[in-house]
PDB file of all heavy atoms in Angstrom:
ATOM      1  N   GLY A   1      83.384 119.904  71.234  1.00  0.00           N
ATOM      2  CA  GLY A   1      84.735 120.125  71.726  1.00  0.00           C
ATOM      3  C   GLY A   1      85.232 121.541  71.507  1.00  0.00           C
ATOM      4  O   GLY A   1      86.299 121.894  71.998  1.00  0.00           O
ATOM      5  N   GLY A   2      84.478 122.339  70.777  1.00  0.00           N
ATOM      6  CA  GLY A   2      84.907 123.709  70.513  1.00  0.00           C
ATOM      7  C   GLY A   2      84.035 124.722  71.234  1.00  0.00           C
ATOM      8  O   GLY A   2      82.900 124.435  71.604  1.00  0.00           O
ATOM      9  N   LYS A   3      84.567 125.901  71.428  1.00  0.00           N
ATOM     10  CA  LYS A   3      83.834 127.012  72.032  1.00  0.00           C
ATOM     11  C   LYS A   3      84.092 128.237  71.158  1.00  0.00           C
ATOM     12  O   LYS A   3      85.071 128.968  71.349  1.00  0.00           O
ATOM     13  CB  LYS A   3      84.309 127.235  73.469  1.00  0.00           C
ATOM     14  CG  LYS A   3      83.609 128.362  74.183  1.00  0.00           C
ATOM     15  CD  LYS A   3      82.172 128.010  74.486  1.00  0.00           C
ATOM     16  CE  LYS A   3      81.560 129.131  75.325  1.00  0.00           C
ATOM     17  NZ  LYS A   3      80.212 129.433  74.963  1.00  0.00           N
ATOM     18  N   ALA A   4      83.221 128.442  70.180  1.00  0.00           N
ATOM     19  CA  ALA A   4      83.377 129.550  69.245  1.00  0.00           C
ATOM     20  C   ALA A   4      83.068 130.875  69.927  1.00  0.00           C
ATOM     21  O   ALA A   4      82.310 130.924  70.903  1.00  0.00           O
ATOM     22  CB  ALA A   4      82.446 129.345  68.051  1.00  0.00           C
ATOM     23  N   PRO A   5      83.617 131.968  69.403  1.00  0.00           N
ATOM     24  CA  PRO A   5      83.331 133.275  69.983  1.00  0.00           C
ATOM     25  C   PRO A   5      81.880 133.705  69.799  1.00  0.00           C
ATOM     26  O   PRO A   5      81.379 134.547  70.537  1.00  0.00           O
ATOM     27  CB  PRO A   5      84.284 134.223  69.251  1.00  0.00           C
ATOM     28  CG  PRO A   5      84.777 133.477  68.069  1.00  0.00           C
ATOM     29  CD  PRO A   5      84.599 132.021  68.331  1.00  0.00           C
ATOM     30  N   HIS A   6      81.203 133.108  68.813  1.00  0.00           N
ATOM     31  CA  HIS A   6      79.788 133.387  68.558  1.00  0.00           C
ATOM     32  C   HIS A   6      79.240 132.263  67.677  1.00  0.00           C
ATOM     33  O   HIS A   6      79.995 131.499  67.087  1.00  0.00           O
ATOM     34  CB  HIS A   6      79.596 134.744  67.861  1.00  0.00           C
ATOM     35  CG  HIS A   6      80.344 134.834  66.567  1.00  0.00           C
ATOM     36  ND1 HIS A   6      79.858 134.335  65.377  1.00  0.00           N
ATOM     37  CD2 HIS A   6      81.572 135.338  66.291  1.00  0.00           C
ATOM     38  CE1 HIS A   6      80.741 134.538  64.422  1.00  0.00           C
ATOM     39  NE2 HIS A   6      81.797 135.131  64.942  1.00  0.00           N
ATOM     40  N   TYR A   7      77.930 132.165  67.627  1.00  0.00           N
ATOM     41  CA  TYR A   7      77.273 131.164  66.781  1.00  0.00           C
ATOM     42  C   TYR A   7      76.196 131.831  65.953  1.00  0.00           C
ATOM     43  O   TYR A   7      75.564 132.768  66.434  1.00  0.00           O
ATOM     44  CB  TYR A   7      76.645 130.057  67.631  1.00  0.00           C
ATOM     45  CG  TYR A   7      77.668 129.211  68.354  1.00  0.00           C
ATOM     46  CD1 TYR A   7      77.850 129.344  69.721  1.00  0.00           C
ATOM     47  CD2 TYR A   7      78.445 128.291  67.666  1.00  0.00           C
ATOM     48  CE1 TYR A   7      78.785 128.575  70.394  1.00  0.00           C
ATOM     49  CE2 TYR A   7      79.389 127.523  68.336  1.00  0.00           C
ATOM     50  CZ  TYR A   7      79.548 127.668  69.689  1.00  0.00           C
ATOM     51  OH  TYR A   7      80.478 126.914  70.341  1.00  0.00           O
ATOM     52  N   PRO A   8      75.988 131.406  64.739  1.00  0.00           N
ATOM     53  CA  PRO A   8      76.767 130.401  64.025  1.00  0.00           C
ATOM     54  C   PRO A   8      78.166 130.929  63.720  1.00  0.00           C
ATOM     55  O   PRO A   8      78.368 132.139  63.602  1.00  0.00           O
ATOM     56  CB  PRO A   8      75.972 130.169  62.752  1.00  0.00           C
ATOM     57  CG  PRO A   8      75.205 131.418  62.537  1.00  0.00           C
ATOM     58  CD  PRO A   8      74.928 131.984  63.894  1.00  0.00           C
ATOM     59  N   TYR A   9      79.087 130.008  63.576  1.00  0.00           N
ATOM     60  CA  TYR A   9      80.490 130.363  63.373  1.00  0.00           C
ATOM     61  C   TYR A   9      80.974 129.761  62.062  1.00  0.00           C
ATOM     62  O   TYR A   9      80.934 128.544  61.878  1.00  0.00           O
ATOM     63  CB  TYR A   9      81.329 129.844  64.540  1.00  0.00           C
ATOM     64  CG  TYR A   9      82.767 130.288  64.506  1.00  0.00           C
ATOM     65  CD1 TYR A   9      83.108 131.616  64.728  1.00  0.00           C
ATOM     66  CD2 TYR A   9      83.774 129.379  64.251  1.00  0.00           C
ATOM     67  CE1 TYR A   9      84.428 132.032  64.711  1.00  0.00           C
ATOM     68  CE2 TYR A   9      85.102 129.781  64.234  1.00  0.00           C
ATOM     69  CZ  TYR A   9      85.424 131.111  64.460  1.00  0.00           C
ATOM     70  OH  TYR A   9      86.728 131.516  64.434  1.00  0.00           O
ATOM     71  N   LEU A  10      81.407 130.633  61.170  1.00  0.00           N
ATOM     72  CA  LEU A  10      81.934 130.209  59.870  1.00  0.00           C
ATOM     73  C   LEU A  10      83.438 130.023  59.992  1.00  0.00           C
ATOM     74  O   LEU A  10      84.155 130.959  60.373  1.00  0.00           O
ATOM     75  CB  LEU A  10      81.604 131.262  58.806  1.00  0.00           C
ATOM     76  CG  LEU A  10      81.996 130.943  57.373  1.00  0.00           C
ATOM     77  CD1 LEU A  10      81.236 129.712  56.867  1.00  0.00           C
ATOM     78  CD2 LEU A  10      81.678 132.147  56.481  1.00  0.00           C
ATOM     79  N   LEU A  11      83.911 128.827  59.701  1.00  0.00           N
ATOM     80  CA  LEU A  11      85.339 128.555  59.825  1.00  0.00           C
ATOM     81  C   LEU A  11      86.131 129.340  58.789  1.00  0.00           C
ATOM     82  O   LEU A  11      85.639 129.618  57.692  1.00  0.00           O
ATOM     83  CB  LEU A  11      85.623 127.059  59.673  1.00  0.00           C
ATOM     84  CG  LEU A  11      85.435 126.222  60.941  1.00  0.00           C
ATOM     85  CD1 LEU A  11      83.988 126.149  61.365  1.00  0.00           C
ATOM     86  CD2 LEU A  11      85.997 124.829  60.737  1.00  0.00           C
ATOM     87  N   HIS A  12      87.367 129.692  59.154  1.00  0.00           N
ATOM     88  CA  HIS A  12      88.294 130.407  58.280  1.00  0.00           C
ATOM     89  C   HIS A  12      89.667 129.761  58.462  1.00  0.00           C
ATOM     90  O   HIS A  12      89.849 128.904  59.343  1.00  0.00           O
ATOM     91  CB  HIS A  12      88.298 131.907  58.595  1.00  0.00           C
ATOM     92  CG  HIS A  12      88.562 132.209  60.040  1.00  0.00           C
ATOM     93  ND1 HIS A  12      89.827 132.268  60.577  1.00  0.00           N
ATOM     94  CD2 HIS A  12      87.703 132.452  61.064  1.00  0.00           C
ATOM     95  CE1 HIS A  12      89.753 132.542  61.862  1.00  0.00           C
ATOM     96  NE2 HIS A  12      88.471 132.648  62.193  1.00  0.00           N
ATOM     97  N   PRO A  13      90.650 130.126  57.647  1.00  0.00           N
ATOM     98  CA  PRO A  13      91.948 129.427  57.711  1.00  0.00           C
ATOM     99  C   PRO A  13      92.621 129.408  59.086  1.00  0.00           C
ATOM    100  O   PRO A  13      93.364 128.485  59.389  1.00  0.00           O
ATOM    101  CB  PRO A  13      92.804 130.195  56.689  1.00  0.00           C
ATOM    102  CG  PRO A  13      91.816 130.711  55.706  1.00  0.00           C
ATOM    103  CD  PRO A  13      90.590 131.056  56.522  1.00  0.00           C
ATOM    104  N   GLU A  14      92.352 130.396  59.926  1.00  0.00           N
ATOM    105  CA  GLU A  14      93.000 130.436  61.245  1.00  0.00           C
ATOM    106  C   GLU A  14      92.161 129.795  62.348  1.00  0.00           C
ATOM    107  O   GLU A  14      92.564 129.801  63.517  1.00  0.00           O
ATOM    108  CB  GLU A  14      93.316 131.890  61.641  1.00  0.00           C
ATOM    109  CG  GLU A  14      94.389 132.536  60.776  1.00  0.00           C
ATOM    110  CD  GLU A  14      93.840 133.017  59.437  1.00  0.00           C
ATOM    111  OE1 GLU A  14      92.667 133.445  59.388  1.00  0.00           O
ATOM    112  OE2 GLU A  14      94.569 132.928  58.442  1.00  0.00           O
ATOM    113  N   THR A  15      90.997 129.236  62.024  1.00  0.00           N
ATOM    114  CA  THR A  15      90.135 128.627  63.040  1.00  0.00           C
ATOM    115  C   THR A  15      90.857 127.460  63.709  1.00  0.00           C
ATOM    116  O   THR A  15      91.470 126.629  63.045  1.00  0.00           O
ATOM    117  CB  THR A  15      88.816 128.132  62.420  1.00  0.00           C
ATOM    118  OG1 THR A  15      88.138 129.238  61.841  1.00  0.00           O
ATOM    119  CG2 THR A  15      87.925 127.494  63.469  1.00  0.00           C
ATOM    120  N   THR A  16      90.737 127.400  65.038  1.00  0.00           N
ATOM    121  CA  THR A  16      91.366 126.324  65.801  1.00  0.00           C
ATOM    122  C   THR A  16      90.325 125.303  66.245  1.00  0.00           C
ATOM    123  O   THR A  16      89.119 125.601  66.281  1.00  0.00           O
ATOM    124  CB  THR A  16      92.070 126.879  67.051  1.00  0.00           C
ATOM    125  OG1 THR A  16      91.076 127.411  67.938  1.00  0.00           O
ATOM    126  CG2 THR A  16      93.093 127.947  66.692  1.00  0.00           C
ATOM    127  N   ALA A  17      90.801 124.133  66.625  1.00  0.00           N
ATOM    128  CA  ALA A  17      89.916 123.095  67.153  1.00  0.00           C
ATOM    129  C   ALA A  17      89.270 123.554  68.460  1.00  0.00           C
ATOM    130  O   ALA A  17      88.145 123.165  68.772  1.00  0.00           O
ATOM    131  CB  ALA A  17      90.683 121.793  67.368  1.00  0.00           C
ATOM    132  N   ALA A  18      89.955 124.412  69.214  1.00  0.00           N
ATOM    133  CA  ALA A  18      89.386 124.943  70.455  1.00  0.00           C
ATOM    134  C   ALA A  18      88.167 125.813  70.167  1.00  0.00           C
ATOM    135  O   ALA A  18      87.263 125.918  70.988  1.00  0.00           O
ATOM    136  CB  ALA A  18      90.437 125.740  71.217  1.00  0.00           C
ATOM    137  N   GLU A  19      88.110 126.416  68.990  1.00  0.00           N
ATOM    138  CA  GLU A  19      86.985 127.266  68.617  1.00  0.00           C
ATOM    139  C   GLU A  19      85.833 126.476  67.995  1.00  0.00           C
ATOM    140  O   GLU A  19      84.674 126.752  68.276  1.00  0.00           O
ATOM    141  CB  GLU A  19      87.424 128.332  67.610  1.00  0.00           C
ATOM    142  CG  GLU A  19      88.374 129.357  68.163  1.00  0.00           C
ATOM    143  CD  GLU A  19      88.917 130.266  67.086  1.00  0.00           C
ATOM    144  OE1 GLU A  19      89.350 129.757  66.031  1.00  0.00           O
ATOM    145  OE2 GLU A  19      88.900 131.489  67.304  1.00  0.00           O
ATOM    146  N   ALA A  20      86.164 125.532  67.117  1.00  0.00           N
ATOM    147  CA  ALA A  20      85.124 124.885  66.318  1.00  0.00           C
ATOM    148  C   ALA A  20      85.047 123.377  66.480  1.00  0.00           C
ATOM    149  O   ALA A  20      84.152 122.751  65.917  1.00  0.00           O
ATOM    150  CB  ALA A  20      85.336 125.217  64.837  1.00  0.00           C
ATOM    151  N   GLY A  21      85.959 122.777  67.219  1.00  0.00           N
ATOM    152  CA  GLY A  21      86.002 121.327  67.328  1.00  0.00           C
ATOM    153  C   GLY A  21      86.965 120.760  66.297  1.00  0.00           C
ATOM    154  O   GLY A  21      87.177 121.353  65.234  1.00  0.00           O
ATOM    155  N   ASP A  22      87.543 119.613  66.604  1.00  0.00           N
ATOM    156  CA  ASP A  22      88.581 119.074  65.720  1.00  0.00           C
ATOM    157  C   ASP A  22      88.052 118.576  64.378  1.00  0.00           C
ATOM    158  O   ASP A  22      88.690 118.782  63.343  1.00  0.00           O
ATOM    159  CB  ASP A  22      89.403 118.001  66.426  1.00  0.00           C
ATOM    160  CG  ASP A  22      88.593 116.840  66.953  1.00  0.00           C
ATOM    161  OD1 ASP A  22      87.350 116.916  66.952  1.00  0.00           O
ATOM    162  OD2 ASP A  22      89.196 115.847  67.387  1.00  0.00           O
ATOM    163  N   GLU A  23      86.898 117.920  64.363  1.00  0.00           N
ATOM    164  CA  GLU A  23      86.397 117.381  63.098  1.00  0.00           C
ATOM    165  C   GLU A  23      85.987 118.466  62.106  1.00  0.00           C
ATOM    166  O   GLU A  23      86.346 118.378  60.927  1.00  0.00           O
ATOM    167  CB  GLU A  23      85.273 116.383  63.347  1.00  0.00           C
ATOM    168  CG  GLU A  23      85.784 115.097  63.962  1.00  0.00           C
ATOM    169  CD  GLU A  23      84.700 114.073  64.220  1.00  0.00           C
ATOM    170  OE1 GLU A  23      83.517 114.343  63.914  1.00  0.00           O
ATOM    171  OE2 GLU A  23      85.038 112.996  64.733  1.00  0.00           O
ATOM    172  N   PRO A  24      85.259 119.515  62.516  1.00  0.00           N
ATOM    173  CA  PRO A  24      84.964 120.584  61.557  1.00  0.00           C
ATOM    174  C   PRO A  24      86.224 121.251  60.998  1.00  0.00           C
ATOM    175  O   PRO A  24      86.290 121.563  59.801  1.00  0.00           O
ATOM    176  CB  PRO A  24      84.124 121.574  62.365  1.00  0.00           C
ATOM    177  CG  PRO A  24      83.477 120.737  63.413  1.00  0.00           C
ATOM    178  CD  PRO A  24      84.515 119.710  63.769  1.00  0.00           C
ATOM    179  N   VAL A  25      87.239 121.443  61.845  1.00  0.00           N
ATOM    180  CA  VAL A  25      88.489 122.042  61.368  1.00  0.00           C
ATOM    181  C   VAL A  25      89.157 121.113  60.363  1.00  0.00           C
ATOM    182  O   VAL A  25      89.630 121.555  59.310  1.00  0.00           O
ATOM    183  CB  VAL A  25      89.432 122.382  62.551  1.00  0.00           C
ATOM    184  CG1 VAL A  25      90.818 122.765  62.056  1.00  0.00           C
ATOM    185  CG2 VAL A  25      88.831 123.490  63.396  1.00  0.00           C
ATOM    186  N   LEU A  26      89.189 119.820  60.656  1.00  0.00           N
ATOM    187  CA  LEU A  26      89.761 118.848  59.724  1.00  0.00           C
ATOM    188  C   LEU A  26      89.020 118.878  58.389  1.00  0.00           C
ATOM    189  O   LEU A  26      89.641 118.906  57.325  1.00  0.00           O
ATOM    190  CB  LEU A  26      89.708 117.436  60.317  1.00  0.00           C
ATOM    191  CG  LEU A  26      90.082 116.307  59.360  1.00  0.00           C
ATOM    192  CD1 LEU A  26      91.569 116.310  59.080  1.00  0.00           C
ATOM    193  CD2 LEU A  26      89.624 114.974  59.900  1.00  0.00           C
ATOM    194  N   ILE A  27      87.688 118.881  58.446  1.00  0.00           N
ATOM    195  CA  ILE A  27      86.888 118.909  57.215  1.00  0.00           C
ATOM    196  C   ILE A  27      87.188 120.180  56.419  1.00  0.00           C
ATOM    197  O   ILE A  27      87.399 120.125  55.208  1.00  0.00           O
ATOM    198  CB  ILE A  27      85.383 118.782  57.539  1.00  0.00           C
ATOM    199  CG1 ILE A  27      85.082 117.382  58.073  1.00  0.00           C
ATOM    200  CG2 ILE A  27      84.527 119.095  56.318  1.00  0.00           C
ATOM    201  CD1 ILE A  27      83.718 117.237  58.726  1.00  0.00           C
ATOM    202  N   TYR A  28      87.232 121.320  57.104  1.00  0.00           N
ATOM    203  CA  TYR A  28      87.520 122.582  56.421  1.00  0.00           C
ATOM    204  C   TYR A  28      88.893 122.551  55.762  1.00  0.00           C
ATOM    205  O   TYR A  28      89.061 122.952  54.611  1.00  0.00           O
ATOM    206  CB  TYR A  28      87.427 123.745  57.417  1.00  0.00           C
ATOM    207  CG  TYR A  28      87.769 125.078  56.792  1.00  0.00           C
ATOM    208  CD1 TYR A  28      86.837 125.741  55.995  1.00  0.00           C
ATOM    209  CD2 TYR A  28      89.012 125.664  56.975  1.00  0.00           C
ATOM    210  CE1 TYR A  28      87.143 126.950  55.404  1.00  0.00           C
ATOM    211  CE2 TYR A  28      89.328 126.877  56.398  1.00  0.00           C
ATOM    212  CZ  TYR A  28      88.386 127.519  55.607  1.00  0.00           C
ATOM    213  OH  TYR A  28      88.697 128.720  55.017  1.00  0.00           O
ATOM    214  N   GLN A  29      89.901 122.089  56.490  1.00  0.00           N
ATOM    215  CA  GLN A  29      91.263 122.053  55.956  1.00  0.00           C
ATOM    216  C   GLN A  29      91.402 121.074  54.797  1.00  0.00           C
ATOM    217  O   GLN A  29      92.120 121.339  53.834  1.00  0.00           O
ATOM    218  CB  GLN A  29      92.260 121.706  57.064  1.00  0.00           C
ATOM    219  CG  GLN A  29      92.412 122.800  58.080  1.00  0.00           C
ATOM    220  CD  GLN A  29      93.277 122.399  59.261  1.00  0.00           C
ATOM    221  OE1 GLN A  29      93.572 121.218  59.474  1.00  0.00           O
ATOM    222  NE2 GLN A  29      93.683 123.385  60.058  1.00  0.00           N
ATOM    223  N   ARG A  30      90.718 119.944  54.880  1.00  0.00           N
ATOM    224  CA  ARG A  30      90.847 118.912  53.845  1.00  0.00           C
ATOM    225  C   ARG A  30      90.075 119.236  52.576  1.00  0.00           C
ATOM    226  O   ARG A  30      90.537 118.954  51.481  1.00  0.00           O
ATOM    227  CB  ARG A  30      90.371 117.557  54.385  1.00  0.00           C
ATOM    228  CG  ARG A  30      91.289 116.927  55.397  1.00  0.00           C
ATOM    229  CD  ARG A  30      92.475 116.214  54.799  1.00  0.00           C
ATOM    230  NE  ARG A  30      92.151 115.217  53.828  1.00  0.00           N
ATOM    231  CZ  ARG A  30      91.841 113.948  54.068  1.00  0.00           C
ATOM    232  NH1 ARG A  30      91.817 113.525  55.316  1.00  0.00           N
ATOM    233  NH2 ARG A  30      91.578 113.134  53.101  1.00  0.00           N
ATOM    234  N   CYS A  31      88.860 119.803  52.718  1.00  0.00           N
ATOM    235  CA  CYS A  31      88.027 119.978  51.521  1.00  0.00           C
ATOM    236  C   CYS A  31      87.953 121.423  51.046  1.00  0.00           C
ATOM    237  O   CYS A  31      87.635 121.667  49.889  1.00  0.00           O
ATOM    238  CB  CYS A  31      86.628 119.421  51.742  1.00  0.00           C
ATOM    239  SG  CYS A  31      85.636 120.361  52.902  1.00  0.00           S
ATOM    240  N   GLY A  32      88.231 122.369  51.932  1.00  0.00           N
ATOM    241  CA  GLY A  32      88.221 123.765  51.521  1.00  0.00           C
ATOM    242  C   GLY A  32      86.835 124.344  51.265  1.00  0.00           C
ATOM    243  O   GLY A  32      86.713 125.492  50.852  1.00  0.00           O
TER     244      GLY A  32
END
């Protein structure tokens, strides 16, 4: 569901679901 600007893509606090997909963003936000 995401389209990152490049791969592999390391999530950061401003990463959106449009970039990385909703589940990876949720996991990142919840577990840090």
